[in-house]
Amino acid sequence: MKAATVSQLKKELNFRSREELLELCLRLSKFKKENKELLTYLLFEEGDEVAYIQNVKQEVDELFKDINTKAWFYIKKSIRKILRVVKKYIRYSGKKDTEVELLMYFCFKLKNFSPSIKRNPAMQNLYDRQLISINKTLLKLHEDLQYDYKLQMEEMGI
């Protein structure tokens, strides 16, 4: 089965009643965890972005605490998983300032992680790529926000 395009879906949804749309949303939420998480964000957390960012930061803190530091293999695997989680939450929000803030926090945690990522080229490259991503996203923000975030990055040491 070939999936319809977004514009086709939008046109079809315009013809559906309120009850049908509600039923479709509930049915979507039953199939994938990500659908349910996105719906939760849109319904409950979109209005308070600051609290959303704080919740994500707390989850990142917990994930960093749970990393098995016995071998680099486990460290790399765990850090990549944390980055996937952060990127997922960034996708839910879709806001550039949220993206910058969460990636900055991830880089801060990664830089201060023990054992140091400087001893592992793969982790150092991952860190460098995230800094490049932050800087690209910063260019899309207002000049005042760019300045504030760059100051914050300097304070954090990233």
Protein backbone atom coordinates (compact mmCIF):
# COMPACT_ATOMS: atom_id res chain seq x y z
CA MET A 1 0.00 0.00 0.00
CA LYS A 2 1.39 3.38 -1.01
CA ALA A 3 0.97 6.20 1.50
CA ALA A 4 -0.84 9.35 0.40
CA THR A 5 0.93 12.69 0.27
CA VAL A 6 0.43 15.29 2.98
CA SER A 7 -1.61 17.51 0.66
CA GLN A 8 -3.90 14.59 -0.25
CA LEU A 9 -4.40 13.81 3.43
CA LYS A 10 -5.13 17.45 4.20
CA LYS A 11 -7.76 17.64 1.47
CA GLU A 12 -9.41 14.45 2.67
CA LEU A 13 -9.41 15.57 6.31
CA ASN A 14 -11.24 18.76 5.33
CA PHE A 15 -14.22 16.65 4.30
CA ARG A 16 -14.43 14.69 7.56
CA SER A 17 -16.70 15.57 10.47
CA ARG A 18 -15.47 16.49 13.94
CA GLU A 19 -16.37 13.05 15.32
CA GLU A 20 -14.57 11.26 12.50
CA LEU A 21 -11.44 13.36 13.09
CA LEU A 22 -11.54 12.56 16.80
CA GLU A 23 -11.87 8.86 16.04
CA LEU A 24 -8.97 9.00 13.56
CA CYS A 25 -6.71 10.72 16.12
CA LEU A 26 -7.52 8.18 18.81
CA ARG A 27 -6.95 5.32 16.40
CA LEU A 28 -3.58 6.77 15.39
CA SER A 29 -2.54 7.06 19.03
CA LYS A 30 -3.13 3.35 19.56
CA PHE A 31 -0.64 2.22 16.92
CA LYS A 32 2.67 3.87 17.70
CA LYS A 33 4.18 5.20 20.86
CA GLU A 34 5.55 8.22 18.95
CA ASN A 35 2.05 9.13 17.75
CA LYS A 36 0.83 9.09 21.32
CA GLU A 37 3.81 11.14 22.53
CA LEU A 38 3.30 13.73 19.79
CA LEU A 39 -0.39 13.97 20.58
CA THR A 40 0.46 14.39 24.28
CA TYR A 41 2.86 17.22 23.43
CA LEU A 42 0.34 18.96 21.17
CA LEU A 43 -2.51 18.71 23.65
CA PHE A 44 -0.82 19.25 27.01
CA GLU A 45 2.69 20.65 26.68
CA GLU A 46 2.75 22.94 23.65
CA GLY A 47 1.42 25.88 25.65
CA ASP A 48 4.27 25.81 28.19
CA GLU A 49 7.49 25.35 26.21
CA VAL A 50 9.71 26.23 29.20
CA ALA A 51 8.27 23.39 31.30
CA TYR A 52 8.58 21.06 28.30
CA ILE A 53 12.28 21.91 27.92
CA GLN A 54 12.83 21.38 31.66
CA ASN A 55 11.15 17.95 31.51
CA VAL A 56 13.32 16.92 28.57
CA LYS A 57 16.45 18.13 30.39
CA GLN A 58 15.49 16.07 33.44
CA GLU A 59 15.05 13.00 31.24
CA VAL A 60 18.45 13.63 29.64
CA ASP A 61 20.00 13.90 33.12
CA GLU A 62 18.53 10.53 34.09
CA LEU A 63 19.68 8.91 30.85
CA PHE A 64 23.23 10.19 31.37
CA LYS A 65 23.22 8.81 34.94
CA ASP A 66 22.24 5.36 33.64
CA ILE A 67 25.12 5.04 31.17
CA ASN A 68 27.25 1.93 31.63
CA THR A 69 30.81 3.27 31.73
CA LYS A 70 32.60 -0.10 31.74
CA ALA A 71 33.42 0.01 28.01
CA TRP A 72 33.36 2.59 25.23
CA PHE A 73 31.01 0.37 23.25
CA TYR A 74 28.27 0.82 25.86
CA ILE A 75 29.03 4.52 26.30
CA LYS A 76 28.75 5.21 22.56
CA LYS A 77 25.56 3.19 22.28
CA SER A 78 23.96 5.01 25.21
CA ILE A 79 24.99 8.48 24.05
CA ARG A 80 23.61 7.84 20.57
CA LYS A 81 20.35 6.69 22.18
CA ILE A 82 20.19 9.89 24.26
CA LEU A 83 20.77 11.97 21.13
CA ARG A 84 17.94 10.12 19.33
CA VAL A 85 15.63 10.90 22.26
CA VAL A 86 16.62 14.58 22.22
CA LYS A 87 16.09 14.79 18.44
CA LYS A 88 12.67 13.16 18.82
CA TYR A 89 11.60 15.79 21.35
CA ILE A 90 12.97 18.51 19.08
CA ARG A 91 10.85 17.16 16.22
CA TYR A 92 7.76 17.23 18.43
CA SER A 93 8.29 20.88 19.27
CA GLY A 94 9.40 22.08 15.85
CA LYS A 95 10.66 25.35 17.36
CA LYS A 96 14.19 26.49 16.56
CA ASP A 97 14.89 27.99 19.99
CA THR A 98 13.85 24.73 21.65
CA GLU A 99 16.18 22.87 19.30
CA VAL A 100 19.11 25.12 20.16
CA GLU A 101 18.47 24.90 23.88
CA LEU A 102 18.13 21.10 23.97
CA LEU A 103 21.16 20.49 21.75
CA MET A 104 23.21 22.91 23.85
CA TYR A 105 22.23 21.02 26.98
CA PHE A 106 23.10 17.69 25.35
CA CYS A 107 26.53 19.06 24.34
CA PHE A 108 27.08 20.45 27.84
CA LYS A 109 26.31 17.08 29.41
CA LEU A 110 28.46 15.28 26.85
CA LYS A 111 31.42 17.61 27.34
CA ASN A 112 31.30 17.20 31.13
CA PHE A 113 30.79 13.43 30.90
CA SER A 114 33.32 11.19 32.59
CA PRO A 115 35.30 9.48 31.03
CA SER A 116 36.13 12.35 28.72
CA ILE A 117 34.86 12.08 25.15
CA LYS A 118 38.15 13.57 23.94
CA ARG A 119 39.70 10.12 24.24
CA ASN A 120 37.24 8.67 21.75
CA PRO A 121 37.23 10.04 18.18
CA ALA A 122 33.68 8.84 17.43
CA MET A 123 32.25 10.68 20.43
CA GLN A 124 34.31 13.78 19.70
CA ASN A 125 32.99 13.78 16.12
CA LEU A 126 29.41 13.37 17.37
CA TYR A 127 29.96 16.34 19.70
CA ASP A 128 31.44 18.44 16.89
CA ARG A 129 28.53 17.62 14.55
CA GLN A 130 26.04 18.76 17.19
CA LEU A 131 27.91 22.05 17.60
CA ILE A 132 27.72 22.56 13.83
CA SER A 133 23.99 21.81 13.98
CA ILE A 134 23.52 24.33 16.79
CA ASN A 135 25.36 27.03 14.85
CA LYS A 136 23.29 26.37 11.69
CA THR A 137 20.07 26.61 13.66
CA LEU A 138 21.26 29.76 15.44
CA LEU A 139 21.52 31.52 12.07
CA LYS A 140 17.77 31.04 11.61
CA LEU A 141 16.93 32.83 14.87
CA HIS A 142 16.58 36.55 15.56
CA GLU A 143 19.87 38.43 16.15
CA ASP A 144 19.09 39.10 19.81
CA LEU A 145 18.42 35.41 20.46
CA GLN A 146 21.59 34.49 18.56
CA TYR A 147 23.62 36.76 20.81
CA ASP A 148 21.98 35.42 23.98
CA TYR A 149 22.52 31.79 23.00
CA LYS A 150 26.15 32.42 22.01
CA LEU A 151 26.77 34.00 25.42
CA GLN A 152 25.09 31.04 27.07
CA MET A 153 27.28 28.66 25.05
CA GLU A 154 30.41 30.49 26.20
CA GLU A 155 29.24 30.31 29.82
CA MET A 156 28.62 26.57 29.45
CA GLY A 157 32.03 26.09 27.87
CA ILE A 158 30.77 24.61 24.62
